[in-house]
Amino acid sequence: MNFAKPLPPADHPAHLVLGLVIWSVWFVGIYAGLSVYCSRAEDASAAGIFNMLNIGLLIFTAITCIKLTVLAMLCWRRGQGFIGKVSASLYIASILATLTIAGPIFFLPPCT
């Protein structure tokens, strides 16, 4: 049984919103995870920036950025015309938004 759904073609209009949907799921996921962790942890900021939460958030961020990069390259190379190029640009914008919002993970301890 194959549970993986194939992606739409690179010039399909669904790619115009897919990058921002992936970004929004990542955004809600990291802040929900951070909120739950900080409500349960006794003193999470004492460990500094090298703790399990920050490592998990960085891994989740890396997976999201890799997926967005692969989709951007797919749309840029295989997309024909306007929709393919704009979709690739929106994937790149989603990558930049992900990295911008993930920036504090590299420098700040959680739950401060």
PDB file of N, CA and C in Angstrom:
ATOM      1  N   MET A   1       0.822  -1.169   0.000  1.00  0.00           N
ATOM      2  CA  MET A   1       0.000   0.000   0.000  1.00  0.00           C
ATOM      3  C   MET A   1       0.877   1.246   0.000  1.00  0.00           C
ATOM      4  N   ASN A   2       0.559   2.161  -0.859  1.00  0.00           N
ATOM      5  CA  ASN A   2       1.312   3.404  -0.946  1.00  0.00           C
ATOM      6  C   ASN A   2       0.448   4.535  -0.401  1.00  0.00           C
ATOM      7  N   PHE A   3       0.867   5.091   0.740  1.00  0.00           N
ATOM      8  CA  PHE A   3       0.102   6.162   1.368  1.00  0.00           C
ATOM      9  C   PHE A   3       0.565   7.543   0.940  1.00  0.00           C
ATOM     10  N   ALA A   4       1.664   7.630   0.234  1.00  0.00           N
ATOM     11  CA  ALA A   4       2.189   8.927  -0.188  1.00  0.00           C
ATOM     12  C   ALA A   4       1.366   9.451  -1.364  1.00  0.00           C
ATOM     13  N   LYS A   5       0.905  10.671  -1.213  1.00  0.00           N
ATOM     14  CA  LYS A   5       0.161  11.288  -2.304  1.00  0.00           C
ATOM     15  C   LYS A   5       1.147  12.016  -3.205  1.00  0.00           C
ATOM     16  N   PRO A   6       1.013  11.828  -4.498  1.00  0.00           N
ATOM     17  CA  PRO A   6       1.937  12.527  -5.391  1.00  0.00           C
ATOM     18  C   PRO A   6       1.639  14.022  -5.402  1.00  0.00           C
ATOM     19  N   LEU A   7       2.667  14.797  -5.614  1.00  0.00           N
ATOM     20  CA  LEU A   7       2.502  16.243  -5.718  1.00  0.00           C
ATOM     21  C   LEU A   7       1.842  16.595  -7.034  1.00  0.00           C
ATOM     22  N   PRO A   8       1.119  17.697  -7.031  1.00  0.00           N
ATOM     23  CA  PRO A   8       0.578  18.152  -8.322  1.00  0.00           C
ATOM     24  C   PRO A   8       1.724  18.576  -9.242  1.00  0.00           C
ATOM     25  N   PRO A   9       1.464  18.673 -10.534  1.00  0.00           N
ATOM     26  CA  PRO A   9       2.521  19.117 -11.453  1.00  0.00           C
ATOM     27  C   PRO A   9       3.093  20.474 -11.029  1.00  0.00           C
ATOM     28  N   ALA A  10       4.297  20.759 -11.461  1.00  0.00           N
ATOM     29  CA  ALA A  10       5.010  21.958 -11.006  1.00  0.00           C
ATOM     30  C   ALA A  10       4.333  23.251 -11.406  1.00  0.00           C
ATOM     31  N   ASP A  11       3.493  23.228 -12.412  1.00  0.00           N
ATOM     32  CA  ASP A  11       2.812  24.455 -12.814  1.00  0.00           C
ATOM     33  C   ASP A  11       1.346  24.480 -12.374  1.00  0.00           C
ATOM     34  N   HIS A  12       1.019  23.667 -11.388  1.00  0.00           N
ATOM     35  CA  HIS A  12      -0.342  23.629 -10.847  1.00  0.00           C
ATOM     36  C   HIS A  12      -0.542  24.808  -9.890  1.00  0.00           C
ATOM     37  N   PRO A  13      -1.705  25.431  -9.888  1.00  0.00           N
ATOM     38  CA  PRO A  13      -1.949  26.582  -9.016  1.00  0.00           C
ATOM     39  C   PRO A  13      -1.891  26.268  -7.518  1.00  0.00           C
ATOM     40  N   ALA A  14      -1.987  25.010  -7.140  1.00  0.00           N
ATOM     41  CA  ALA A  14      -1.904  24.655  -5.716  1.00  0.00           C
ATOM     42  C   ALA A  14      -0.560  25.041  -5.119  1.00  0.00           C
ATOM     43  N   HIS A  15       0.486  25.083  -5.932  1.00  0.00           N
ATOM     44  CA  HIS A  15       1.803  25.453  -5.434  1.00  0.00           C
ATOM     45  C   HIS A  15       1.863  26.921  -5.003  1.00  0.00           C
ATOM     46  N   LEU A  16       0.916  27.723  -5.474  1.00  0.00           N
ATOM     47  CA  LEU A  16       0.900  29.130  -5.083  1.00  0.00           C
ATOM     48  C   LEU A  16       0.616  29.309  -3.593  1.00  0.00           C
ATOM     49  N   VAL A  17      -0.087  28.380  -2.982  1.00  0.00           N
ATOM     50  CA  VAL A  17      -0.397  28.488  -1.552  1.00  0.00           C
ATOM     51  C   VAL A  17       0.287  27.421  -0.703  1.00  0.00           C
ATOM     52  N   LEU A  18       0.809  26.388  -1.314  1.00  0.00           N
ATOM     53  CA  LEU A  18       1.365  25.266  -0.563  1.00  0.00           C
ATOM     54  C   LEU A  18       2.561  25.677   0.297  1.00  0.00           C
ATOM     55  N   GLY A  19       3.424  26.526  -0.211  1.00  0.00           N
ATOM     56  CA  GLY A  19       4.584  26.964   0.570  1.00  0.00           C
ATOM     57  C   GLY A  19       4.189  27.723   1.814  1.00  0.00           C
ATOM     58  N   LEU A  20       3.201  28.596   1.681  1.00  0.00           N
ATOM     59  CA  LEU A  20       2.745  29.363   2.838  1.00  0.00           C
ATOM     60  C   LEU A  20       1.966  28.493   3.818  1.00  0.00           C
ATOM     61  N   VAL A  21       1.300  27.456   3.323  1.00  0.00           N
ATOM     62  CA  VAL A  21       0.620  26.514   4.216  1.00  0.00           C
ATOM     63  C   VAL A  21       1.648  25.716   5.010  1.00  0.00           C
ATOM     64  N   ILE A  22       2.709  25.258   4.350  1.00  0.00           N
ATOM     65  CA  ILE A  22       3.777  24.536   5.048  1.00  0.00           C
ATOM     66  C   ILE A  22       4.419  25.436   6.092  1.00  0.00           C
ATOM     67  N   TRP A  23       4.677  26.700   5.735  1.00  0.00           N
ATOM     68  CA  TRP A  23       5.246  27.638   6.695  1.00  0.00           C
ATOM     69  C   TRP A  23       4.319  27.844   7.890  1.00  0.00           C
ATOM     70  N   SER A  24       3.022  27.986   7.647  1.00  0.00           N
ATOM     71  CA  SER A  24       2.098  28.238   8.760  1.00  0.00           C
ATOM     72  C   SER A  24       1.982  27.028   9.683  1.00  0.00           C
ATOM     73  N   VAL A  25       2.032  25.820   9.129  1.00  0.00           N
ATOM     74  CA  VAL A  25       2.024  24.616   9.968  1.00  0.00           C
ATOM     75  C   VAL A  25       3.291  24.569  10.815  1.00  0.00           C
ATOM     76  N   TRP A  26       4.430  24.915  10.229  1.00  0.00           N
ATOM     77  CA  TRP A  26       5.684  24.974  10.984  1.00  0.00           C
ATOM     78  C   TRP A  26       5.578  26.020  12.095  1.00  0.00           C
ATOM     79  N   PHE A  27       5.049  27.197  11.775  1.00  0.00           N
ATOM     80  CA  PHE A  27       4.934  28.290  12.739  1.00  0.00           C
ATOM     81  C   PHE A  27       4.076  27.888  13.932  1.00  0.00           C
ATOM     82  N   VAL A  28       2.906  27.322  13.668  1.00  0.00           N
ATOM     83  CA  VAL A  28       2.026  26.889  14.746  1.00  0.00           C
ATOM     84  C   VAL A  28       2.675  25.756  15.540  1.00  0.00           C
ATOM     85  N   GLY A  29       3.359  24.849  14.843  1.00  0.00           N
ATOM     86  CA  GLY A  29       4.014  23.723  15.512  1.00  0.00           C
ATOM     87  C   GLY A  29       5.111  24.147  16.469  1.00  0.00           C
ATOM     88  N   ILE A  30       5.965  25.079  16.046  1.00  0.00           N
ATOM     89  CA  ILE A  30       7.060  25.458  16.945  1.00  0.00           C
ATOM     90  C   ILE A  30       6.554  26.248  18.142  1.00  0.00           C
ATOM     91  N   TYR A  31       5.580  27.116  17.927  1.00  0.00           N
ATOM     92  CA  TYR A  31       5.087  27.891  19.057  1.00  0.00           C
ATOM     93  C   TYR A  31       4.185  27.075  19.971  1.00  0.00           C
ATOM     94  N   ALA A  32       3.451  26.131  19.444  1.00  0.00           N
ATOM     95  CA  ALA A  32       2.673  25.236  20.296  1.00  0.00           C
ATOM     96  C   ALA A  32       3.609  24.342  21.105  1.00  0.00           C
ATOM     97  N   GLY A  33       4.625  23.796  20.441  1.00  0.00           N
ATOM     98  CA  GLY A  33       5.594  22.969  21.162  1.00  0.00           C
ATOM     99  C   GLY A  33       6.338  23.739  22.224  1.00  0.00           C
ATOM    100  N   LEU A  34       6.726  24.954  21.903  1.00  0.00           N
ATOM    101  CA  LEU A  34       7.423  25.806  22.867  1.00  0.00           C
ATOM    102  C   LEU A  34       6.521  26.137  24.051  1.00  0.00           C
ATOM    103  N   SER A  35       5.273  26.434  23.796  1.00  0.00           N
ATOM    104  CA  SER A  35       4.342  26.778  24.870  1.00  0.00           C
ATOM    105  C   SER A  35       4.078  25.593  25.791  1.00  0.00           C
ATOM    106  N   VAL A  36       3.864  24.434  25.211  1.00  0.00           N
ATOM    107  CA  VAL A  36       3.616  23.245  26.028  1.00  0.00           C
ATOM    108  C   VAL A  36       4.867  22.894  26.839  1.00  0.00           C
ATOM    109  N   TYR A  37       6.026  22.953  26.214  1.00  0.00           N
ATOM    110  CA  TYR A  37       7.268  22.631  26.914  1.00  0.00           C
ATOM    111  C   TYR A  37       7.507  23.601  28.066  1.00  0.00           C
ATOM    112  N   CYS A  38       7.307  24.883  27.821  1.00  0.00           N
ATOM    113  CA  CYS A  38       7.576  25.881  28.859  1.00  0.00           C
ATOM    114  C   CYS A  38       6.562  25.803  29.995  1.00  0.00           C
ATOM    115  N   SER A  39       5.342  25.362  29.715  1.00  0.00           N
ATOM    116  CA  SER A  39       4.359  25.227  30.793  1.00  0.00           C
ATOM    117  C   SER A  39       4.650  24.006  31.658  1.00  0.00           C
ATOM    118  N   ARG A  40       5.309  23.005  31.097  1.00  0.00           N
ATOM    119  CA  ARG A  40       5.603  21.769  31.836  1.00  0.00           C
ATOM    120  C   ARG A  40       6.997  21.759  32.469  1.00  0.00           C
ATOM    121  N   ALA A  41       7.947  22.445  31.877  1.00  0.00           N
ATOM    122  CA  ALA A  41       9.316  22.405  32.373  1.00  0.00           C
ATOM    123  C   ALA A  41       9.442  23.280  33.617  1.00  0.00           C
ATOM    124  N   GLU A  42      10.269  22.840  34.542  1.00  0.00           N
ATOM    125  CA  GLU A  42      10.437  23.601  35.778  1.00  0.00           C
ATOM    126  C   GLU A  42      11.371  24.789  35.581  1.00  0.00           C
ATOM    127  N   ASP A  43      12.545  24.555  35.021  1.00  0.00           N
ATOM    128  CA  ASP A  43      13.465  25.662  34.767  1.00  0.00           C
ATOM    129  C   ASP A  43      14.215  25.376  33.473  1.00  0.00           C
ATOM    130  N   ALA A  44      13.526  25.578  32.366  1.00  0.00           N
ATOM    131  CA  ALA A  44      14.090  25.237  31.062  1.00  0.00           C
ATOM    132  C   ALA A  44      15.157  26.217  30.622  1.00  0.00           C
ATOM    133  N   SER A  45      15.106  27.464  31.084  1.00  0.00           N
ATOM    134  CA  SER A  45      16.085  28.456  30.630  1.00  0.00           C
ATOM    135  C   SER A  45      17.439  28.280  31.302  1.00  0.00           C
ATOM    136  N   ALA A  46      17.524  27.482  32.358  1.00  0.00           N
ATOM    137  CA  ALA A  46      18.801  27.276  33.048  1.00  0.00           C
ATOM    138  C   ALA A  46      19.784  26.472  32.202  1.00  0.00           C
ATOM    139  N   ALA A  47      19.299  25.688  31.259  1.00  0.00           N
ATOM    140  CA  ALA A  47      20.173  24.855  30.434  1.00  0.00           C
ATOM    141  C   ALA A  47      20.853  25.643  29.322  1.00  0.00           C
ATOM    142  N   GLY A  48      20.433  26.881  29.101  1.00  0.00           N
ATOM    143  CA  GLY A  48      21.028  27.678  28.026  1.00  0.00           C
ATOM    144  C   GLY A  48      20.413  27.331  26.689  1.00  0.00           C
ATOM    145  N   ILE A  49      21.144  27.645  25.629  1.00  0.00           N
ATOM    146  CA  ILE A  49      20.581  27.402  24.296  1.00  0.00           C
ATOM    147  C   ILE A  49      20.765  25.964  23.829  1.00  0.00           C
ATOM    148  N   PHE A  50      21.613  25.201  24.480  1.00  0.00           N
ATOM    149  CA  PHE A  50      21.840  23.817  24.073  1.00  0.00           C
ATOM    150  C   PHE A  50      21.014  22.889  24.947  1.00  0.00           C
ATOM    151  N   ASN A  51      19.743  22.755  24.617  1.00  0.00           N
ATOM    152  CA  ASN A  51      18.856  21.860  25.346  1.00  0.00           C
ATOM    153  C   ASN A  51      18.022  21.083  24.335  1.00  0.00           C
ATOM    154  N   MET A  52      17.236  20.154  24.823  1.00  0.00           N
ATOM    155  CA  MET A  52      16.480  19.275  23.937  1.00  0.00           C
ATOM    156  C   MET A  52      15.416  20.038  23.138  1.00  0.00           C
ATOM    157  N   LEU A  53      14.825  21.054  23.735  1.00  0.00           N
ATOM    158  CA  LEU A  53      13.801  21.810  23.018  1.00  0.00           C
ATOM    159  C   LEU A  53      14.392  22.552  21.828  1.00  0.00           C
ATOM    160  N   ASN A  54      15.478  23.268  22.043  1.00  0.00           N
ATOM    161  CA  ASN A  54      16.095  24.003  20.939  1.00  0.00           C
ATOM    162  C   ASN A  54      16.608  23.067  19.851  1.00  0.00           C
ATOM    163  N   ILE A  55      17.163  21.935  20.249  1.00  0.00           N
ATOM    164  CA  ILE A  55      17.639  20.975  19.254  1.00  0.00           C
ATOM    165  C   ILE A  55      16.462  20.435  18.443  1.00  0.00           C
ATOM    166  N   GLY A  56      15.353  20.116  19.116  1.00  0.00           N
ATOM    167  CA  GLY A  56      14.169  19.645  18.407  1.00  0.00           C
ATOM    168  C   GLY A  56      13.604  20.697  17.467  1.00  0.00           C
ATOM    169  N   LEU A  57      13.565  21.951  17.922  1.00  0.00           N
ATOM    170  CA  LEU A  57      13.071  23.028  17.067  1.00  0.00           C
ATOM    171  C   LEU A  57      13.981  23.246  15.867  1.00  0.00           C
ATOM    172  N   LEU A  58      15.279  23.129  16.065  1.00  0.00           N
ATOM    173  CA  LEU A  58      16.212  23.283  14.944  1.00  0.00           C
ATOM    174  C   LEU A  58      16.064  22.146  13.929  1.00  0.00           C
ATOM    175  N   ILE A  59      15.842  20.939  14.410  1.00  0.00           N
ATOM    176  CA  ILE A  59      15.635  19.808  13.503  1.00  0.00           C
ATOM    177  C   ILE A  59      14.340  20.000  12.712  1.00  0.00           C
ATOM    178  N   PHE A  60      13.275  20.414  13.385  1.00  0.00           N
ATOM    179  CA  PHE A  60      11.997  20.672  12.721  1.00  0.00           C
ATOM    180  C   PHE A  60      12.137  21.798  11.698  1.00  0.00           C
ATOM    181  N   THR A  61      12.916  22.822  12.039  1.00  0.00           N
ATOM    182  CA  THR A  61      13.163  23.929  11.121  1.00  0.00           C
ATOM    183  C   THR A  61      13.967  23.463   9.908  1.00  0.00           C
ATOM    184  N   ALA A  62      14.982  22.650  10.149  1.00  0.00           N
ATOM    185  CA  ALA A  62      15.801  22.152   9.039  1.00  0.00           C
ATOM    186  C   ALA A  62      14.975  21.286   8.085  1.00  0.00           C
ATOM    187  N   ILE A  63      14.137  20.424   8.628  1.00  0.00           N
ATOM    188  CA  ILE A  63      13.292  19.573   7.783  1.00  0.00           C
ATOM    189  C   ILE A  63      12.336  20.432   6.952  1.00  0.00           C
ATOM    190  N   THR A  64      11.755  21.444   7.579  1.00  0.00           N
ATOM    191  CA  THR A  64      10.837  22.332   6.864  1.00  0.00           C
ATOM    192  C   THR A  64      11.553  23.083   5.756  1.00  0.00           C
ATOM    193  N   CYS A  65      12.747  23.614   6.053  1.00  0.00           N
ATOM    194  CA  CYS A  65      13.498  24.365   5.036  1.00  0.00           C
ATOM    195  C   CYS A  65      13.940  23.467   3.884  1.00  0.00           C
ATOM    196  N   ILE A  66      14.323  22.245   4.189  1.00  0.00           N
ATOM    197  CA  ILE A  66      14.725  21.312   3.131  1.00  0.00           C
ATOM    198  C   ILE A  66      13.531  20.993   2.233  1.00  0.00           C
ATOM    199  N   LYS A  67      12.380  20.744   2.846  1.00  0.00           N
ATOM    200  CA  LYS A  67      11.183  20.447   2.046  1.00  0.00           C
ATOM    201  C   LYS A  67      10.809  21.641   1.167  1.00  0.00           C
ATOM    202  N   LEU A  68      10.845  22.843   1.718  1.00  0.00           N
ATOM    203  CA  LEU A  68      10.523  24.033   0.934  1.00  0.00           C
ATOM    204  C   LEU A  68      11.537  24.257  -0.185  1.00  0.00           C
ATOM    205  N   THR A  69      12.806  23.976   0.075  1.00  0.00           N
ATOM    206  CA  THR A  69      13.842  24.133  -0.947  1.00  0.00           C
ATOM    207  C   THR A  69      13.628  23.149  -2.096  1.00  0.00           C
ATOM    208  N   VAL A  70      13.321  21.912  -1.771  1.00  0.00           N
ATOM    209  CA  VAL A  70      13.072  20.910  -2.817  1.00  0.00           C
ATOM    210  C   VAL A  70      11.868  21.309  -3.666  1.00  0.00           C
ATOM    211  N   LEU A  71      10.824  21.788  -3.015  1.00  0.00           N
ATOM    212  CA  LEU A  71       9.635  22.208  -3.768  1.00  0.00           C
ATOM    213  C   LEU A  71       9.920  23.443  -4.617  1.00  0.00           C
ATOM    214  N   ALA A  72      10.726  24.370  -4.102  1.00  0.00           N
ATOM    215  CA  ALA A  72      11.086  25.559  -4.893  1.00  0.00           C
ATOM    216  C   ALA A  72      11.889  25.155  -6.126  1.00  0.00           C
ATOM    217  N   MET A  73      12.834  24.246  -5.954  1.00  0.00           N
ATOM    218  CA  MET A  73      13.625  23.800  -7.101  1.00  0.00           C
ATOM    219  C   MET A  73      12.758  23.043  -8.104  1.00  0.00           C
ATOM    220  N   LEU A  74      11.819  22.252  -7.613  1.00  0.00           N
ATOM    221  CA  LEU A  74      10.903  21.534  -8.504  1.00  0.00           C
ATOM    222  C   LEU A  74      10.098  22.514  -9.347  1.00  0.00           C
ATOM    223  N   CYS A  75       9.535  23.520  -8.706  1.00  0.00           N
ATOM    224  CA  CYS A  75       8.719  24.486  -9.454  1.00  0.00           C
ATOM    225  C   CYS A  75       9.572  25.330 -10.397  1.00  0.00           C
ATOM    226  N   TRP A  76      10.775  25.676  -9.979  1.00  0.00           N
ATOM    227  CA  TRP A  76      11.613  26.516 -10.832  1.00  0.00           C
ATOM    228  C   TRP A  76      12.078  25.761 -12.075  1.00  0.00           C
ATOM    229  N   ARG A  77      12.457  24.486 -11.888  1.00  0.00           N
ATOM    230  CA  ARG A  77      12.995  23.714 -13.014  1.00  0.00           C
ATOM    231  C   ARG A  77      11.911  23.144 -13.919  1.00  0.00           C
ATOM    232  N   ARG A  78      10.827  22.651 -13.337  1.00  0.00           N
ATOM    233  CA  ARG A  78       9.801  21.973 -14.136  1.00  0.00           C
ATOM    234  C   ARG A  78       8.600  22.843 -14.446  1.00  0.00           C
ATOM    235  N   GLY A  79       8.451  23.929 -13.706  1.00  0.00           N
ATOM    236  CA  GLY A  79       7.299  24.790 -13.935  1.00  0.00           C
ATOM    237  C   GLY A  79       7.434  25.544 -15.243  1.00  0.00           C
ATOM    238  N   GLN A  80       6.379  25.568 -15.984  1.00  0.00           N
ATOM    239  CA  GLN A  80       6.404  26.233 -17.274  1.00  0.00           C
ATOM    240  C   GLN A  80       5.539  27.476 -17.179  1.00  0.00           C
ATOM    241  N   GLY A  81       6.147  28.602 -17.354  1.00  0.00           N
ATOM    242  CA  GLY A  81       5.392  29.836 -17.373  1.00  0.00           C
ATOM    243  C   GLY A  81       5.304  30.522 -16.031  1.00  0.00           C
ATOM    244  N   PHE A  82       4.304  31.347 -15.931  1.00  0.00           N
ATOM    245  CA  PHE A  82       4.151  32.261 -14.807  1.00  0.00           C
ATOM    246  C   PHE A  82       3.927  31.550 -13.484  1.00  0.00           C
ATOM    247  N   ILE A  83       3.033  30.572 -13.450  1.00  0.00           N
ATOM    248  CA  ILE A  83       2.680  29.929 -12.181  1.00  0.00           C
ATOM    249  C   ILE A  83       3.877  29.194 -11.585  1.00  0.00           C
ATOM    250  N   GLY A  84       4.660  28.524 -12.382  1.00  0.00           N
ATOM    251  CA  GLY A  84       5.833  27.809 -11.872  1.00  0.00           C
ATOM    252  C   GLY A  84       6.863  28.737 -11.252  1.00  0.00           C
ATOM    253  N   LYS A  85       7.125  29.862 -11.898  1.00  0.00           N
ATOM    254  CA  LYS A  85       8.132  30.796 -11.385  1.00  0.00           C
ATOM    255  C   LYS A  85       7.636  31.540 -10.146  1.00  0.00           C
ATOM    256  N   VAL A  86       6.367  31.927 -10.140  1.00  0.00           N
ATOM    257  CA  VAL A  86       5.814  32.603  -8.961  1.00  0.00           C
ATOM    258  C   VAL A  86       5.733  31.632  -7.786  1.00  0.00           C
ATOM    259  N   SER A  87       5.391  30.380  -8.047  1.00  0.00           N
ATOM    260  CA  SER A  87       5.355  29.377  -6.982  1.00  0.00           C
ATOM    261  C   SER A  87       6.734  29.186  -6.378  1.00  0.00           C
ATOM    262  N   ALA A  88       7.758  29.118  -7.215  1.00  0.00           N
ATOM    263  CA  ALA A  88       9.125  28.992  -6.705  1.00  0.00           C
ATOM    264  C   ALA A  88       9.491  30.206  -5.867  1.00  0.00           C
ATOM    265  N   SER A  89       9.090  31.386  -6.301  1.00  0.00           N
ATOM    266  CA  SER A  89       9.375  32.598  -5.534  1.00  0.00           C
ATOM    267  C   SER A  89       8.664  32.592  -4.190  1.00  0.00           C
ATOM    268  N   LEU A  90       7.446  32.084  -4.152  1.00  0.00           N
ATOM    269  CA  LEU A  90       6.723  32.003  -2.889  1.00  0.00           C
ATOM    270  C   LEU A  90       7.331  30.962  -1.953  1.00  0.00           C
ATOM    271  N   TYR A  91       7.851  29.881  -2.509  1.00  0.00           N
ATOM    272  CA  TYR A  91       8.570  28.907  -1.675  1.00  0.00           C
ATOM    273  C   TYR A  91       9.821  29.547  -1.073  1.00  0.00           C
ATOM    274  N   ILE A  92      10.524  30.341  -1.859  1.00  0.00           N
ATOM    275  CA  ILE A  92      11.718  31.020  -1.350  1.00  0.00           C
ATOM    276  C   ILE A  92      11.336  32.028  -0.269  1.00  0.00           C
ATOM    277  N   ALA A  93      10.232  32.742  -0.458  1.00  0.00           N
ATOM    278  CA  ALA A  93       9.755  33.663   0.576  1.00  0.00           C
ATOM    279  C   ALA A  93       9.402  32.907   1.855  1.00  0.00           C
ATOM    280  N   SER A  94       8.847  31.714   1.715  1.00  0.00           N
ATOM    281  CA  SER A  94       8.527  30.896   2.891  1.00  0.00           C
ATOM    282  C   SER A  94       9.788  30.423   3.598  1.00  0.00           C
ATOM    283  N   ILE A  95      10.821  30.106   2.836  1.00  0.00           N
ATOM    284  CA  ILE A  95      12.103  29.719   3.437  1.00  0.00           C
ATOM    285  C   ILE A  95      12.683  30.888   4.230  1.00  0.00           C
ATOM    286  N   LEU A  96      12.665  32.069   3.638  1.00  0.00           N
ATOM    287  CA  LEU A  96      13.190  33.249   4.330  1.00  0.00           C
ATOM    288  C   LEU A  96      12.381  33.566   5.587  1.00  0.00           C
ATOM    289  N   ALA A  97      11.063  33.425   5.525  1.00  0.00           N
ATOM    290  CA  ALA A  97      10.236  33.661   6.711  1.00  0.00           C
ATOM    291  C   ALA A  97      10.527  32.629   7.797  1.00  0.00           C
ATOM    292  N   THR A  98      10.732  31.385   7.393  1.00  0.00           N
ATOM    293  CA  THR A  98      11.054  30.330   8.362  1.00  0.00           C
ATOM    294  C   THR A  98      12.376  30.617   9.050  1.00  0.00           C
ATOM    295  N   LEU A  99      13.385  30.978   8.289  1.00  0.00           N
ATOM    296  CA  LEU A  99      14.691  31.244   8.879  1.00  0.00           C
ATOM    297  C   LEU A  99      14.700  32.507   9.733  1.00  0.00           C
ATOM    298  N   THR A 100      13.911  33.501   9.341  1.00  0.00           N
ATOM    299  CA  THR A 100      13.840  34.734  10.124  1.00  0.00           C
ATOM    300  C   THR A 100      13.187  34.488  11.476  1.00  0.00           C
ATOM    301  N   ILE A 101      12.100  33.757  11.473  1.00  0.00           N
ATOM    302  CA  ILE A 101      11.408  33.493  12.733  1.00  0.00           C
ATOM    303  C   ILE A 101      12.186  32.494  13.586  1.00  0.00           C
ATOM    304  N   ALA A 102      12.944  31.603  12.963  1.00  0.00           N
ATOM    305  CA  ALA A 102      13.735  30.622  13.714  1.00  0.00           C
ATOM    306  C   ALA A 102      15.034  31.217  14.240  1.00  0.00           C
ATOM    307  N   GLY A 103      15.380  32.422  13.867  1.00  0.00           N
ATOM    308  CA  GLY A 103      16.628  33.047  14.301  1.00  0.00           C
ATOM    309  C   GLY A 103      16.852  33.051  15.805  1.00  0.00           C
ATOM    310  N   PRO A 104      15.872  33.413  16.615  1.00  0.00           N
ATOM    311  CA  PRO A 104      16.091  33.417  18.071  1.00  0.00           C
ATOM    312  C   PRO A 104      16.424  32.054  18.671  1.00  0.00           C
ATOM    313  N   ILE A 105      16.078  30.983  17.976  1.00  0.00           N
ATOM    314  CA  ILE A 105      16.412  29.649  18.483  1.00  0.00           C
ATOM    315  C   ILE A 105      17.925  29.493  18.608  1.00  0.00           C
ATOM    316  N   PHE A 106      18.668  30.139  17.699  1.00  0.00           N
ATOM    317  CA  PHE A 106      20.114  30.012  17.695  1.00  0.00           C
ATOM    318  C   PHE A 106      20.782  30.793  18.827  1.00  0.00           C
ATOM    319  N   PHE A 107      20.106  31.805  19.378  1.00  0.00           N
ATOM    320  CA  PHE A 107      20.767  32.721  20.305  1.00  0.00           C
ATOM    321  C   PHE A 107      20.138  32.817  21.684  1.00  0.00           C
ATOM    322  N   LEU A 108      18.882  32.434  21.826  1.00  0.00           N
ATOM    323  CA  LEU A 108      18.184  32.637  23.095  1.00  0.00           C
ATOM    324  C   LEU A 108      17.768  31.310  23.711  1.00  0.00           C
ATOM    325  N   PRO A 109      17.867  31.209  25.029  1.00  0.00           N
ATOM    326  CA  PRO A 109      17.331  30.020  25.682  1.00  0.00           C
ATOM    327  C   PRO A 109      15.812  30.078  25.676  1.00  0.00           C
ATOM    328  N   PRO A 110      15.153  28.922  25.702  1.00  0.00           N
ATOM    329  CA  PRO A 110      13.686  28.934  25.682  1.00  0.00           C
ATOM    330  C   PRO A 110      13.123  29.381  27.027  1.00  0.00           C
ATOM    331  N   CYS A 111      11.867  29.725  27.011  1.00  0.00           N
ATOM    332  CA  CYS A 111      11.099  30.031  28.224  1.00  0.00           C
ATOM    333  C   CYS A 111      11.662  31.214  29.008  1.00  0.00           C
ATOM    334  N   THR A 112      12.184  32.219  28.320  1.00  0.00           N
ATOM    335  CA  THR A 112      12.679  33.401  29.042  1.00  0.00           C
ATOM    336  C   THR A 112      11.674  34.511  29.017  1.00  0.00           C
TER     337      THR A 112
END
